[in-house]
Amino acid sequence: MKILVPVKRVIDYKASIHLKADGTGVETANVKMSMNPFDEIAVEEAVRLKEQGIATAVIAVSIGEAPCQETLRTALAMGADSAILVQTTPENDIQPLAAASILKALVAQTEAKLVILGKQAIDTDNNQVGQMLAALLNWPQGCYASKLVFKDQGVSVTREIDGGLETLFLSLPAIITTDLRLNEPRYLSLPNIVQAKRKTIDIIQVSSLSLDLTPHVQTLHVTVPEKRRHGVRLENAAELVNRLKNEARVIS
């Protein structure tokens, strides 16, 4: 069984975020970039499945411009067998439905029977690609997975819900999105990093896939949220009521 693992290049979670001067988005120039943390968990789980003999190959794929190769090399250093870059141009605005359409085409090309991806990317927090891909492929899906058990020609997916834990059984092929509690990604050793740099990354131009990548959402303006005011310590309930009446105008 081949496993396809999409990985996204995002601003590192430790980096400071600044908006562009014109308010069109977040500034990415000269900012540290890294693999989306949820995708890192997905790669780790796929590699573990290969080590257990459940999977035969792990294929990492990224959608974006040339620098995304750095993210793919991280996946190779973690243990992925091969990597594919679907290269886009600055003019391409790859939104969730377009990303899902691209991944559908790659599933057909690679003959993967399982797709494991992060539940969301920390840059947009859309949490849509996995679900859209499952719909396009008409495959069963298990979202927010915290535990996987393969048995009976399928996979048992335990996921966290508001009321506790829910366990689903999916027949393969299937789509799984990962949550934080699924595993802890391994430390990258120097030999593995060196070997990953020597591996070839297959590059596919997004235009060659002949897909409709038309954006369906337009960002009009991006602003920084207002800072929350500091709290005030009050001496008694009467003072609280007075403030609610005269300042907050919550009660009359």
C-alpha atoms as a PDB file:
ATOM      1  CA  MET A   1       0.000   0.000   0.000  1.00  0.00           C
ATOM      2  CA  LYS A   2       1.311   3.420  -0.990  1.00  0.00           C
ATOM      3  CA  ILE A   3       0.627   6.400   1.253  1.00  0.00           C
ATOM      4  CA  LEU A   4       0.429   9.931  -0.111  1.00  0.00           C
ATOM      5  CA  VAL A   5       1.287  12.653   2.390  1.00  0.00           C
ATOM      6  CA  PRO A   6       0.672  16.297   1.400  1.00  0.00           C
ATOM      7  CA  VAL A   7       2.951  18.787   3.197  1.00  0.00           C
ATOM      8  CA  LYS A   8       2.635  22.561   3.177  1.00  0.00           C
ATOM      9  CA  ARG A   9       5.320  25.233   3.581  1.00  0.00           C
ATOM     10  CA  VAL A  10       4.127  27.790   6.128  1.00  0.00           C
ATOM     11  CA  ILE A  11       5.579  30.500   8.332  1.00  0.00           C
ATOM     12  CA  ASP A  12       7.308  28.835  11.276  1.00  0.00           C
ATOM     13  CA  TYR A  13       5.074  28.758  14.337  1.00  0.00           C
ATOM     14  CA  LYS A  14       7.764  30.514  16.390  1.00  0.00           C
ATOM     15  CA  ALA A  15       8.196  33.395  13.927  1.00  0.00           C
ATOM     16  CA  SER A  16       6.687  36.837  14.472  1.00  0.00           C
ATOM     17  CA  ILE A  17       3.829  37.642  12.102  1.00  0.00           C
ATOM     18  CA  HIS A  18       3.615  41.035  10.391  1.00  0.00           C
ATOM     19  CA  LEU A  19       1.099  42.323   7.870  1.00  0.00           C
ATOM     20  CA  LYS A  20       2.040  43.827   4.525  1.00  0.00           C
ATOM     21  CA  ALA A  21       1.901  47.614   4.414  1.00  0.00           C
ATOM     22  CA  ASP A  22      -0.983  47.562   1.930  1.00  0.00           C
ATOM     23  CA  GLY A  23      -3.049  45.177   4.075  1.00  0.00           C
ATOM     24  CA  THR A  24      -3.277  42.502   1.389  1.00  0.00           C
ATOM     25  CA  GLY A  25      -1.910  39.702   3.557  1.00  0.00           C
ATOM     26  CA  VAL A  26       0.901  38.487   5.779  1.00  0.00           C
ATOM     27  CA  GLU A  27       4.510  39.378   5.021  1.00  0.00           C
ATOM     28  CA  THR A  28       6.488  36.259   4.062  1.00  0.00           C
ATOM     29  CA  ALA A  29       9.723  37.831   2.771  1.00  0.00           C
ATOM     30  CA  ASN A  30      12.737  37.160   4.997  1.00  0.00           C
ATOM     31  CA  VAL A  31      10.599  35.132   7.401  1.00  0.00           C
ATOM     32  CA  LYS A  32      11.541  31.662   8.613  1.00  0.00           C
ATOM     33  CA  MET A  33       9.431  28.992   6.913  1.00  0.00           C
ATOM     34  CA  SER A  34       8.920  25.358   7.904  1.00  0.00           C
ATOM     35  CA  MET A  35       6.639  22.378   7.411  1.00  0.00           C
ATOM     36  CA  ASN A  36       3.113  22.772   8.733  1.00  0.00           C
ATOM     37  CA  PRO A  37       3.180  21.058  12.188  1.00  0.00           C
ATOM     38  CA  PHE A  38       0.084  18.937  11.501  1.00  0.00           C
ATOM     39  CA  ASP A  39       1.652  17.722   8.235  1.00  0.00           C
ATOM     40  CA  GLU A  40       4.793  16.803  10.147  1.00  0.00           C
ATOM     41  CA  ILE A  41       2.648  14.518  12.285  1.00  0.00           C
ATOM     42  CA  ALA A  42       1.153  13.026   9.114  1.00  0.00           C
ATOM     43  CA  VAL A  43       4.611  12.244   7.706  1.00  0.00           C
ATOM     44  CA  GLU A  44       5.680  10.659  10.990  1.00  0.00           C
ATOM     45  CA  GLU A  45       2.616   8.412  11.066  1.00  0.00           C
ATOM     46  CA  ALA A  46       3.090   7.332   7.448  1.00  0.00           C
ATOM     47  CA  VAL A  47       6.753   6.496   8.065  1.00  0.00           C
ATOM     48  CA  ARG A  48       5.831   4.459  11.145  1.00  0.00           C
ATOM     49  CA  LEU A  49       3.311   2.507   9.086  1.00  0.00           C
ATOM     50  CA  LYS A  50       6.036   1.744   6.554  1.00  0.00           C
ATOM     51  CA  GLU A  51       8.383   0.627   9.331  1.00  0.00           C
ATOM     52  CA  GLN A  52       5.642  -1.703  10.626  1.00  0.00           C
ATOM     53  CA  GLY A  53       5.271  -3.248   7.173  1.00  0.00           C
ATOM     54  CA  ILE A  54       1.728  -1.916   6.710  1.00  0.00           C
ATOM     55  CA  ALA A  55       2.768   0.478   3.933  1.00  0.00           C
ATOM     56  CA  THR A  56       5.167  -0.179   1.085  1.00  0.00           C
ATOM     57  CA  ALA A  57       6.031   3.423   0.207  1.00  0.00           C
ATOM     58  CA  VAL A  58       5.531   6.955   1.513  1.00  0.00           C
ATOM     59  CA  ILE A  59       5.201   9.688  -1.105  1.00  0.00           C
ATOM     60  CA  ALA A  60       5.409  13.306   0.079  1.00  0.00           C
ATOM     61  CA  VAL A  61       3.831  15.986  -2.089  1.00  0.00           C
ATOM     62  CA  SER A  62       3.797  19.761  -1.836  1.00  0.00           C
ATOM     63  CA  ILE A  63       1.975  22.407  -3.861  1.00  0.00           C
ATOM     64  CA  GLY A  64       3.720  25.728  -4.327  1.00  0.00           C
ATOM     65  CA  GLU A  65       6.718  27.509  -5.718  1.00  0.00           C
ATOM     66  CA  ALA A  66      10.328  26.256  -5.864  1.00  0.00           C
ATOM     67  CA  PRO A  67      11.170  26.909  -2.156  1.00  0.00           C
ATOM     68  CA  CYS A  68       8.676  24.185  -1.219  1.00  0.00           C
ATOM     69  CA  GLN A  69      11.437  21.724  -2.112  1.00  0.00           C
ATOM     70  CA  GLU A  70      12.965  22.532   1.293  1.00  0.00           C
ATOM     71  CA  THR A  71       9.796  21.260   2.974  1.00  0.00           C
ATOM     72  CA  LEU A  72       9.855  18.112   0.853  1.00  0.00           C
ATOM     73  CA  ARG A  73      13.464  17.454   1.835  1.00  0.00           C
ATOM     74  CA  THR A  74      12.397  17.616   5.462  1.00  0.00           C
ATOM     75  CA  ALA A  75       9.828  14.910   4.700  1.00  0.00           C
ATOM     76  CA  LEU A  76      12.518  12.841   2.951  1.00  0.00           C
ATOM     77  CA  ALA A  77      14.806  13.228   5.958  1.00  0.00           C
ATOM     78  CA  MET A  78      11.990  11.945   8.178  1.00  0.00           C
ATOM     79  CA  GLY A  79      11.748   8.784   6.083  1.00  0.00           C
ATOM     80  CA  ALA A  80       9.557   9.454   3.050  1.00  0.00           C
ATOM     81  CA  ASP A  81      10.639   7.393   0.042  1.00  0.00           C
ATOM     82  CA  SER A  82       9.988   9.967  -2.673  1.00  0.00           C
ATOM     83  CA  ALA A  83       8.744  13.512  -3.139  1.00  0.00           C
ATOM     84  CA  ILE A  84       6.691  15.396  -5.706  1.00  0.00           C
ATOM     85  CA  LEU A  85       6.464  19.158  -6.102  1.00  0.00           C
ATOM     86  CA  VAL A  86       3.461  20.506  -7.978  1.00  0.00           C
ATOM     87  CA  GLN A  87       5.047  23.794  -8.931  1.00  0.00           C
ATOM     88  CA  THR A  88       2.895  26.893  -9.133  1.00  0.00           C
ATOM     89  CA  THR A  89       3.568  30.499 -10.075  1.00  0.00           C
ATOM     90  CA  PRO A  90       3.044  33.685  -8.014  1.00  0.00           C
ATOM     91  CA  GLU A  91      -0.134  34.264 -10.038  1.00  0.00           C
ATOM     92  CA  ASN A  92      -1.672  31.003  -8.805  1.00  0.00           C
ATOM     93  CA  ASP A  93      -3.886  31.345  -5.743  1.00  0.00           C
ATOM     94  CA  ILE A  94      -4.217  27.732  -4.628  1.00  0.00           C
ATOM     95  CA  GLN A  95      -7.271  27.591  -2.403  1.00  0.00           C
ATOM     96  CA  PRO A  96      -8.581  24.425  -0.649  1.00  0.00           C
ATOM     97  CA  LEU A  97     -10.737  23.136  -3.522  1.00  0.00           C
ATOM     98  CA  ALA A  98      -7.900  23.642  -6.011  1.00  0.00           C
ATOM     99  CA  ALA A  99      -5.469  21.854  -3.661  1.00  0.00           C
ATOM    100  CA  ALA A 100      -7.909  18.950  -3.293  1.00  0.00           C
ATOM    101  CA  SER A 101      -8.286  18.728  -7.080  1.00  0.00           C
ATOM    102  CA  ILE A 102      -4.516  18.593  -7.518  1.00  0.00           C
ATOM    103  CA  LEU A 103      -4.200  15.885  -4.879  1.00  0.00           C
ATOM    104  CA  LYS A 104      -6.944  13.869  -6.558  1.00  0.00           C
ATOM    105  CA  ALA A 105      -4.897  13.876  -9.771  1.00  0.00           C
ATOM    106  CA  LEU A 106      -1.788  12.759  -7.872  1.00  0.00           C
ATOM    107  CA  VAL A 107      -3.662   9.949  -6.139  1.00  0.00           C
ATOM    108  CA  ALA A 108      -4.518   8.582  -9.573  1.00  0.00           C
ATOM    109  CA  GLN A 109      -0.927   8.961 -10.809  1.00  0.00           C
ATOM    110  CA  THR A 110       0.708   7.359  -7.759  1.00  0.00           C
ATOM    111  CA  GLU A 111      -2.004   4.722  -7.164  1.00  0.00           C
ATOM    112  CA  ALA A 112      -1.975   5.572  -3.465  1.00  0.00           C
ATOM    113  CA  LYS A 113      -4.558   3.787  -1.329  1.00  0.00           C
ATOM    114  CA  LEU A 114      -4.252   6.020   1.713  1.00  0.00           C
ATOM    115  CA  VAL A 115      -3.823   9.784   2.064  1.00  0.00           C
ATOM    116  CA  ILE A 116      -2.690  11.125   5.441  1.00  0.00           C
ATOM    117  CA  LEU A 117      -2.556  14.878   5.865  1.00  0.00           C
ATOM    118  CA  GLY A 118      -2.668  17.443   8.624  1.00  0.00           C
ATOM    119  CA  LYS A 119      -6.147  18.473   9.712  1.00  0.00           C
ATOM    120  CA  GLN A 120      -5.338  22.098   8.859  1.00  0.00           C
ATOM    121  CA  ALA A 121      -2.500  24.449   7.965  1.00  0.00           C
ATOM    122  CA  ILE A 122      -1.530  27.008  10.598  1.00  0.00           C
ATOM    123  CA  ASP A 123      -1.368  29.853   8.068  1.00  0.00           C
ATOM    124  CA  THR A 124      -5.005  29.835   6.893  1.00  0.00           C
ATOM    125  CA  ASP A 125      -6.617  27.380   9.366  1.00  0.00           C
ATOM    126  CA  ASN A 126      -9.176  26.415   6.723  1.00  0.00           C
ATOM    127  CA  ASN A 127      -9.465  22.738   7.716  1.00  0.00           C
ATOM    128  CA  GLN A 128     -11.021  21.888   4.338  1.00  0.00           C
ATOM    129  CA  VAL A 129      -8.601  20.077   2.016  1.00  0.00           C
ATOM    130  CA  GLY A 130      -8.937  16.615   3.565  1.00  0.00           C
ATOM    131  CA  GLN A 131     -12.722  16.699   3.508  1.00  0.00           C
ATOM    132  CA  MET A 132     -12.861  18.079  -0.034  1.00  0.00           C
ATOM    133  CA  LEU A 133     -10.412  15.434  -1.256  1.00  0.00           C
ATOM    134  CA  ALA A 134     -12.539  12.682   0.295  1.00  0.00           C
ATOM    135  CA  ALA A 135     -15.593  14.074  -1.480  1.00  0.00           C
ATOM    136  CA  LEU A 136     -13.833  14.323  -4.850  1.00  0.00           C
ATOM    137  CA  LEU A 137     -12.512  10.756  -4.584  1.00  0.00           C
ATOM    138  CA  ASN A 138     -15.680   9.408  -2.923  1.00  0.00           C
ATOM    139  CA  TRP A 139     -13.481   7.794  -0.259  1.00  0.00           C
ATOM    140  CA  PRO A 140     -14.326   7.363   3.435  1.00  0.00           C
ATOM    141  CA  GLN A 141     -12.651   9.861   5.742  1.00  0.00           C
ATOM    142  CA  GLY A 142     -11.519  10.014   9.349  1.00  0.00           C
ATOM    143  CA  CYS A 143     -10.739  13.531  10.573  1.00  0.00           C
ATOM    144  CA  TYR A 144      -8.775  14.673  13.650  1.00  0.00           C
ATOM    145  CA  ALA A 145      -7.247  11.235  14.177  1.00  0.00           C
ATOM    146  CA  SER A 146      -5.523  10.623  17.513  1.00  0.00           C
ATOM    147  CA  LYS A 147      -4.991   6.858  17.035  1.00  0.00           C
ATOM    148  CA  LEU A 148      -4.887   4.483  14.057  1.00  0.00           C
ATOM    149  CA  VAL A 149      -5.217   0.685  14.131  1.00  0.00           C
ATOM    150  CA  PHE A 150      -5.083  -1.255  10.856  1.00  0.00           C
ATOM    151  CA  LYS A 151      -7.137  -4.465  10.765  1.00  0.00           C
ATOM    152  CA  ASP A 152      -9.605  -6.402   8.603  1.00  0.00           C
ATOM    153  CA  GLN A 153      -8.549  -4.705   5.348  1.00  0.00           C
ATOM    154  CA  GLY A 154      -9.285  -1.294   6.825  1.00  0.00           C
ATOM    155  CA  VAL A 155      -8.306   1.141   9.555  1.00  0.00           C
ATOM    156  CA  SER A 156      -9.869   1.971  12.900  1.00  0.00           C
ATOM    157  CA  VAL A 157      -9.628   5.729  13.545  1.00  0.00           C
ATOM    158  CA  THR A 158     -10.029   7.150  17.036  1.00  0.00           C
ATOM    159  CA  ARG A 159     -10.744  10.865  17.097  1.00  0.00           C
ATOM    160  CA  GLU A 160     -11.555  13.453  19.724  1.00  0.00           C
ATOM    161  CA  ILE A 161     -15.018  15.014  19.724  1.00  0.00           C
ATOM    162  CA  ASP A 162     -16.742  17.374  22.143  1.00  0.00           C
ATOM    163  CA  GLY A 163     -18.186  14.508  24.189  1.00  0.00           C
ATOM    164  CA  GLY A 164     -15.012  12.405  24.406  1.00  0.00           C
ATOM    165  CA  LEU A 165     -13.612   9.895  21.904  1.00  0.00           C
ATOM    166  CA  GLU A 166     -15.228   8.455  18.795  1.00  0.00           C
ATOM    167  CA  THR A 167     -13.924   5.433  16.874  1.00  0.00           C
ATOM    168  CA  LEU A 168     -14.666   4.931  13.181  1.00  0.00           C
ATOM    169  CA  PHE A 169     -13.791   2.004  10.956  1.00  0.00           C
ATOM    170  CA  LEU A 170     -12.827   2.940   7.403  1.00  0.00           C
ATOM    171  CA  SER A 171     -12.421   0.555   4.523  1.00  0.00           C
ATOM    172  CA  LEU A 172      -9.449   1.318   2.295  1.00  0.00           C
ATOM    173  CA  PRO A 173      -8.775   3.395   0.271  1.00  0.00           C
ATOM    174  CA  ALA A 174      -9.373   6.267   2.700  1.00  0.00           C
ATOM    175  CA  ILE A 175      -8.488   9.813   3.754  1.00  0.00           C
ATOM    176  CA  ILE A 176      -7.172  10.541   7.259  1.00  0.00           C
ATOM    177  CA  THR A 177      -6.406  13.932   8.784  1.00  0.00           C
ATOM    178  CA  THR A 178      -4.135  14.104  11.816  1.00  0.00           C
ATOM    179  CA  ASP A 179      -4.490  15.791  15.183  1.00  0.00           C
ATOM    180  CA  LEU A 180      -1.717  16.715  17.621  1.00  0.00           C
ATOM    181  CA  ARG A 181      -2.100  13.651  19.856  1.00  0.00           C
ATOM    182  CA  LEU A 182      -1.516  11.088  17.100  1.00  0.00           C
ATOM    183  CA  ASN A 183       2.264  11.004  17.591  1.00  0.00           C
ATOM    184  CA  GLU A 184       5.397  13.014  18.270  1.00  0.00           C
ATOM    185  CA  PRO A 185       7.547  13.545  15.136  1.00  0.00           C
ATOM    186  CA  ARG A 186      11.064  12.180  15.306  1.00  0.00           C
ATOM    187  CA  TYR A 187      14.268  14.160  15.563  1.00  0.00           C
ATOM    188  CA  LEU A 188      16.017  14.606  12.212  1.00  0.00           C
ATOM    189  CA  SER A 189      19.485  13.089  12.272  1.00  0.00           C
ATOM    190  CA  LEU A 190      22.333  14.692  10.334  1.00  0.00           C
ATOM    191  CA  PRO A 191      22.938  11.609   8.107  1.00  0.00           C
ATOM    192  CA  ASN A 192      19.268  11.575   7.107  1.00  0.00           C
ATOM    193  CA  ILE A 193      19.346  15.298   6.314  1.00  0.00           C
ATOM    194  CA  VAL A 194      22.422  14.801   4.117  1.00  0.00           C
ATOM    195  CA  GLN A 195      20.842  11.857   2.303  1.00  0.00           C
ATOM    196  CA  ALA A 196      17.636  13.850   1.734  1.00  0.00           C
ATOM    197  CA  LYS A 197      19.606  16.609   0.009  1.00  0.00           C
ATOM    198  CA  ARG A 198      20.918  14.069  -2.514  1.00  0.00           C
ATOM    199  CA  LYS A 199      17.508  12.689  -3.455  1.00  0.00           C
ATOM    200  CA  THR A 200      15.684  13.801  -6.586  1.00  0.00           C
ATOM    201  CA  ILE A 201      12.369  15.592  -6.286  1.00  0.00           C
ATOM    202  CA  ASP A 202       9.910  15.057  -9.134  1.00  0.00           C
ATOM    203  CA  ILE A 203       8.571  18.404 -10.342  1.00  0.00           C
ATOM    204  CA  ILE A 204       5.206  18.694 -12.070  1.00  0.00           C
ATOM    205  CA  GLN A 205       4.048  22.020 -13.454  1.00  0.00           C
ATOM    206  CA  VAL A 206       0.548  22.711 -12.211  1.00  0.00           C
ATOM    207  CA  SER A 207      -0.473  23.866 -15.699  1.00  0.00           C
ATOM    208  CA  SER A 208       0.199  20.352 -17.045  1.00  0.00           C
ATOM    209  CA  LEU A 209      -2.608  18.918 -14.904  1.00  0.00           C
ATOM    210  CA  SER A 210      -5.277  20.853 -16.851  1.00  0.00           C
ATOM    211  CA  LEU A 211      -7.344  21.595 -13.763  1.00  0.00           C
ATOM    212  CA  ASP A 212      -9.681  24.454 -12.943  1.00  0.00           C
ATOM    213  CA  LEU A 213      -7.829  26.374 -10.214  1.00  0.00           C
ATOM    214  CA  THR A 214     -10.113  29.410 -10.201  1.00  0.00           C
ATOM    215  CA  PRO A 215     -10.202  31.010  -6.710  1.00  0.00           C
ATOM    216  CA  HIS A 216     -13.647  31.129  -5.131  1.00  0.00           C
ATOM    217  CA  VAL A 217     -12.779  33.393  -2.202  1.00  0.00           C
ATOM    218  CA  GLN A 218     -11.302  36.882  -2.434  1.00  0.00           C
ATOM    219  CA  THR A 219      -9.426  38.514   0.447  1.00  0.00           C
ATOM    220  CA  LEU A 220     -10.419  42.168   0.541  1.00  0.00           C
ATOM    221  CA  HIS A 221      -8.293  43.373   3.452  1.00  0.00           C
ATOM    222  CA  VAL A 222      -6.316  41.981   6.372  1.00  0.00           C
ATOM    223  CA  THR A 223      -6.089  43.805   9.700  1.00  0.00           C
ATOM    224  CA  VAL A 224      -4.594  43.110  13.103  1.00  0.00           C
ATOM    225  CA  PRO A 225      -7.172  42.367  15.841  1.00  0.00           C
ATOM    226  CA  GLU A 226      -7.670  45.090  18.410  1.00  0.00           C
ATOM    227  CA  LYS A 227      -5.620  44.635  21.541  1.00  0.00           C
ATOM    228  CA  ARG A 228      -7.616  43.607  24.581  1.00  0.00           C
ATOM    229  CA  ARG A 229      -7.750  46.199  27.307  1.00  0.00           C
ATOM    230  CA  HIS A 230      -6.128  45.436  30.641  1.00  0.00           C
ATOM    231  CA  GLY A 231      -8.413  44.203  33.346  1.00  0.00           C
ATOM    232  CA  VAL A 232      -9.293  46.304  36.385  1.00  0.00           C
ATOM    233  CA  ARG A 233      -9.528  45.030  39.940  1.00  0.00           C
ATOM    234  CA  LEU A 234     -12.635  46.252  41.748  1.00  0.00           C
ATOM    235  CA  GLU A 235     -13.133  46.454  45.484  1.00  0.00           C
ATOM    236  CA  ASN A 236     -16.718  45.238  45.712  1.00  0.00           C
ATOM    237  CA  ALA A 237     -19.881  44.243  43.846  1.00  0.00           C
ATOM    238  CA  ALA A 238     -21.352  47.740  44.068  1.00  0.00           C
ATOM    239  CA  GLU A 239     -18.412  49.178  42.138  1.00  0.00           C
ATOM    240  CA  LEU A 240     -18.829  46.448  39.494  1.00  0.00           C
ATOM    241  CA  VAL A 241     -22.512  47.301  39.067  1.00  0.00           C
ATOM    242  CA  ASN A 242     -21.646  50.989  38.783  1.00  0.00           C
ATOM    243  CA  ARG A 243     -19.131  50.335  35.999  1.00  0.00           C
ATOM    244  CA  LEU A 244     -21.543  48.064  34.141  1.00  0.00           C
ATOM    245  CA  LYS A 245     -24.155  50.810  34.242  1.00  0.00           C
ATOM    246  CA  ASN A 246     -22.109  53.904  33.455  1.00  0.00           C
ATOM    247  CA  GLU A 247     -19.146  52.707  31.386  1.00  0.00           C
ATOM    248  CA  ALA A 248     -20.025  49.424  29.699  1.00  0.00           C
ATOM    249  CA  ARG A 249     -23.741  50.325  29.544  1.00  0.00           C
ATOM    250  CA  VAL A 250     -24.506  46.612  29.868  1.00  0.00           C
ATOM    251  CA  ILE A 251     -27.273  47.095  32.414  1.00  0.00           C
ATOM    252  CA  SER A 252     -29.637  49.981  33.054  1.00  0.00           C
END
